[in-house]
Amino acid sequence: MIVGWWLVTPTEEEQSLELIPRAVRDKLDRVRIKLHLKEWQALTLAERRHLCDLPCNSLEDVRRYAAEVDELVRRVTGKPAERAGRS
């Protein structure tokens, strides 16, 4: 974030991670977790980057990703991550 005495403007990376990226939404679908935008925005930029970069392909990856998301959501909300219904 660039800070001047008169304004604070988010960096390009911060702007690009303000909304949940498509790749992360796909991973959340895979692990059947519903992550609300307010929960995503409560995460630090580093945590958002981590969820973008974390693999979610193998069964072990899926388990690890779900555990990571759940842990982060619990930290910011005090509640477990909401599970998405089966489609």
C-alpha atoms as a PDB file:
ATOM      1  CA  MET A   1       0.000   0.000   0.000  1.00  0.00           C
ATOM      2  CA  ILE A   2       1.364   3.393  -0.960  1.00  0.00           C
ATOM      3  CA  VAL A   3       0.805   5.999   1.750  1.00  0.00           C
ATOM      4  CA  GLY A   4       0.972   9.725   1.256  1.00  0.00           C
ATOM      5  CA  TRP A   5       0.001  12.376   3.745  1.00  0.00           C
ATOM      6  CA  TRP A   6      -3.159  13.012   1.731  1.00  0.00           C
ATOM      7  CA  LEU A   7      -4.193   9.599   0.422  1.00  0.00           C
ATOM      8  CA  VAL A   8      -3.796   5.869   0.701  1.00  0.00           C
ATOM      9  CA  THR A   9      -4.030   3.894  -2.516  1.00  0.00           C
ATOM     10  CA  PRO A  10      -3.982   0.102  -2.674  1.00  0.00           C
ATOM     11  CA  THR A  11      -1.309  -1.563  -4.764  1.00  0.00           C
ATOM     12  CA  GLU A  12      -2.236  -3.396  -7.943  1.00  0.00           C
ATOM     13  CA  GLU A  13      -1.819  -6.741  -6.152  1.00  0.00           C
ATOM     14  CA  GLU A  14      -4.087  -5.664  -3.304  1.00  0.00           C
ATOM     15  CA  GLN A  15      -6.714  -4.571  -5.824  1.00  0.00           C
ATOM     16  CA  SER A  16      -6.471  -7.842  -7.723  1.00  0.00           C
ATOM     17  CA  LEU A  17      -7.000  -9.860  -4.530  1.00  0.00           C
ATOM     18  CA  GLU A  18      -9.840  -7.711  -3.171  1.00  0.00           C
ATOM     19  CA  LEU A  19     -12.282 -10.153  -4.788  1.00  0.00           C
ATOM     20  CA  ILE A  20     -11.976 -13.936  -4.701  1.00  0.00           C
ATOM     21  CA  PRO A  21     -10.094 -15.026  -7.826  1.00  0.00           C
ATOM     22  CA  ARG A  22     -11.680 -17.607 -10.141  1.00  0.00           C
ATOM     23  CA  ALA A  23      -8.899 -20.120  -9.376  1.00  0.00           C
ATOM     24  CA  VAL A  24      -9.627 -19.882  -5.634  1.00  0.00           C
ATOM     25  CA  ARG A  25     -13.378 -20.188  -6.213  1.00  0.00           C
ATOM     26  CA  ASP A  26     -12.726 -23.366  -8.201  1.00  0.00           C
ATOM     27  CA  LYS A  27     -10.612 -24.766  -5.353  1.00  0.00           C
ATOM     28  CA  LEU A  28     -13.325 -23.874  -2.835  1.00  0.00           C
ATOM     29  CA  ASP A  29     -15.862 -25.738  -4.973  1.00  0.00           C
ATOM     30  CA  ARG A  30     -13.531 -28.745  -5.009  1.00  0.00           C
ATOM     31  CA  VAL A  31     -13.288 -28.789  -1.195  1.00  0.00           C
ATOM     32  CA  ARG A  32     -16.990 -27.902  -0.806  1.00  0.00           C
ATOM     33  CA  ILE A  33     -16.422 -24.791   1.288  1.00  0.00           C
ATOM     34  CA  LYS A  34     -18.440 -21.612   0.907  1.00  0.00           C
ATOM     35  CA  LEU A  35     -16.196 -18.635   1.604  1.00  0.00           C
ATOM     36  CA  HIS A  36     -17.999 -15.323   1.919  1.00  0.00           C
ATOM     37  CA  LEU A  37     -16.448 -12.181   0.468  1.00  0.00           C
ATOM     38  CA  LYS A  38     -16.242 -10.554   3.923  1.00  0.00           C
ATOM     39  CA  GLU A  39     -14.298 -13.591   5.189  1.00  0.00           C
ATOM     40  CA  TRP A  40     -11.938 -13.397   2.191  1.00  0.00           C
ATOM     41  CA  GLN A  41     -11.401  -9.678   2.730  1.00  0.00           C
ATOM     42  CA  ALA A  42     -10.697 -10.231   6.437  1.00  0.00           C
ATOM     43  CA  LEU A  43      -7.691 -12.382   5.499  1.00  0.00           C
ATOM     44  CA  THR A  44      -4.295 -10.758   5.189  1.00  0.00           C
ATOM     45  CA  LEU A  45      -2.836 -10.259   1.742  1.00  0.00           C
ATOM     46  CA  ALA A  46      -0.291 -12.996   2.509  1.00  0.00           C
ATOM     47  CA  GLU A  47      -3.080 -15.418   3.469  1.00  0.00           C
ATOM     48  CA  ARG A  48      -4.986 -14.634   0.275  1.00  0.00           C
ATOM     49  CA  ARG A  49      -1.822 -15.167  -1.767  1.00  0.00           C
ATOM     50  CA  HIS A  50      -1.249 -18.466   0.061  1.00  0.00           C
ATOM     51  CA  LEU A  51      -4.726 -19.727  -0.850  1.00  0.00           C
ATOM     52  CA  CYS A  52      -4.110 -18.718  -4.467  1.00  0.00           C
ATOM     53  CA  ASP A  53      -0.800 -20.591  -4.596  1.00  0.00           C
ATOM     54  CA  LEU A  54      -1.702 -23.699  -2.566  1.00  0.00           C
ATOM     55  CA  PRO A  55      -2.303 -26.735  -4.806  1.00  0.00           C
ATOM     56  CA  CYS A  56      -5.658 -28.491  -4.736  1.00  0.00           C
ATOM     57  CA  ASN A  57      -5.341 -31.409  -7.169  1.00  0.00           C
ATOM     58  CA  SER A  58      -4.654 -34.699  -5.372  1.00  0.00           C
ATOM     59  CA  LEU A  59      -6.788 -36.082  -2.571  1.00  0.00           C
ATOM     60  CA  GLU A  60      -4.103 -35.017  -0.090  1.00  0.00           C
ATOM     61  CA  ASP A  61      -4.015 -31.507  -1.608  1.00  0.00           C
ATOM     62  CA  VAL A  62      -7.801 -31.254  -1.261  1.00  0.00           C
ATOM     63  CA  ARG A  63      -7.658 -32.281   2.396  1.00  0.00           C
ATOM     64  CA  ARG A  64      -4.835 -29.829   3.113  1.00  0.00           C
ATOM     65  CA  TYR A  65      -6.595 -26.981   1.289  1.00  0.00           C
ATOM     66  CA  ALA A  66      -9.860 -27.573   3.182  1.00  0.00           C
ATOM     67  CA  ALA A  67      -7.979 -27.638   6.501  1.00  0.00           C
ATOM     68  CA  GLU A  68      -6.113 -24.414   5.653  1.00  0.00           C
ATOM     69  CA  VAL A  69      -9.305 -22.588   4.665  1.00  0.00           C
ATOM     70  CA  ASP A  70     -11.109 -23.816   7.744  1.00  0.00           C
ATOM     71  CA  GLU A  71      -8.263 -22.691  10.013  1.00  0.00           C
ATOM     72  CA  LEU A  72      -8.159 -19.221   8.423  1.00  0.00           C
ATOM     73  CA  VAL A  73     -11.935 -18.774   8.590  1.00  0.00           C
ATOM     74  CA  ARG A  74     -11.949 -19.832  12.257  1.00  0.00           C
ATOM     75  CA  ARG A  75      -9.239 -17.262  12.958  1.00  0.00           C
ATOM     76  CA  VAL A  76     -11.163 -14.380  11.394  1.00  0.00           C
ATOM     77  CA  THR A  77     -14.725 -15.362  12.391  1.00  0.00           C
ATOM     78  CA  GLY A  78     -14.374 -17.652  15.395  1.00  0.00           C
ATOM     79  CA  LYS A  79     -16.519 -20.207  13.540  1.00  0.00           C
ATOM     80  CA  PRO A  80     -15.763 -23.115  11.215  1.00  0.00           C
ATOM     81  CA  ALA A  81     -15.926 -22.573   7.474  1.00  0.00           C
ATOM     82  CA  GLU A  82     -19.385 -23.038   5.978  1.00  0.00           C
ATOM     83  CA  ARG A  83     -19.703 -26.226   3.970  1.00  0.00           C
ATOM     84  CA  ALA A  84     -21.347 -25.969   0.557  1.00  0.00           C
ATOM     85  CA  GLY A  85     -24.195 -28.351  -0.252  1.00  0.00           C
ATOM     86  CA  ARG A  86     -23.774 -31.094  -2.788  1.00  0.00           C
ATOM     87  CA  SER A  87     -24.845 -30.252  -6.305  1.00  0.00           C
END
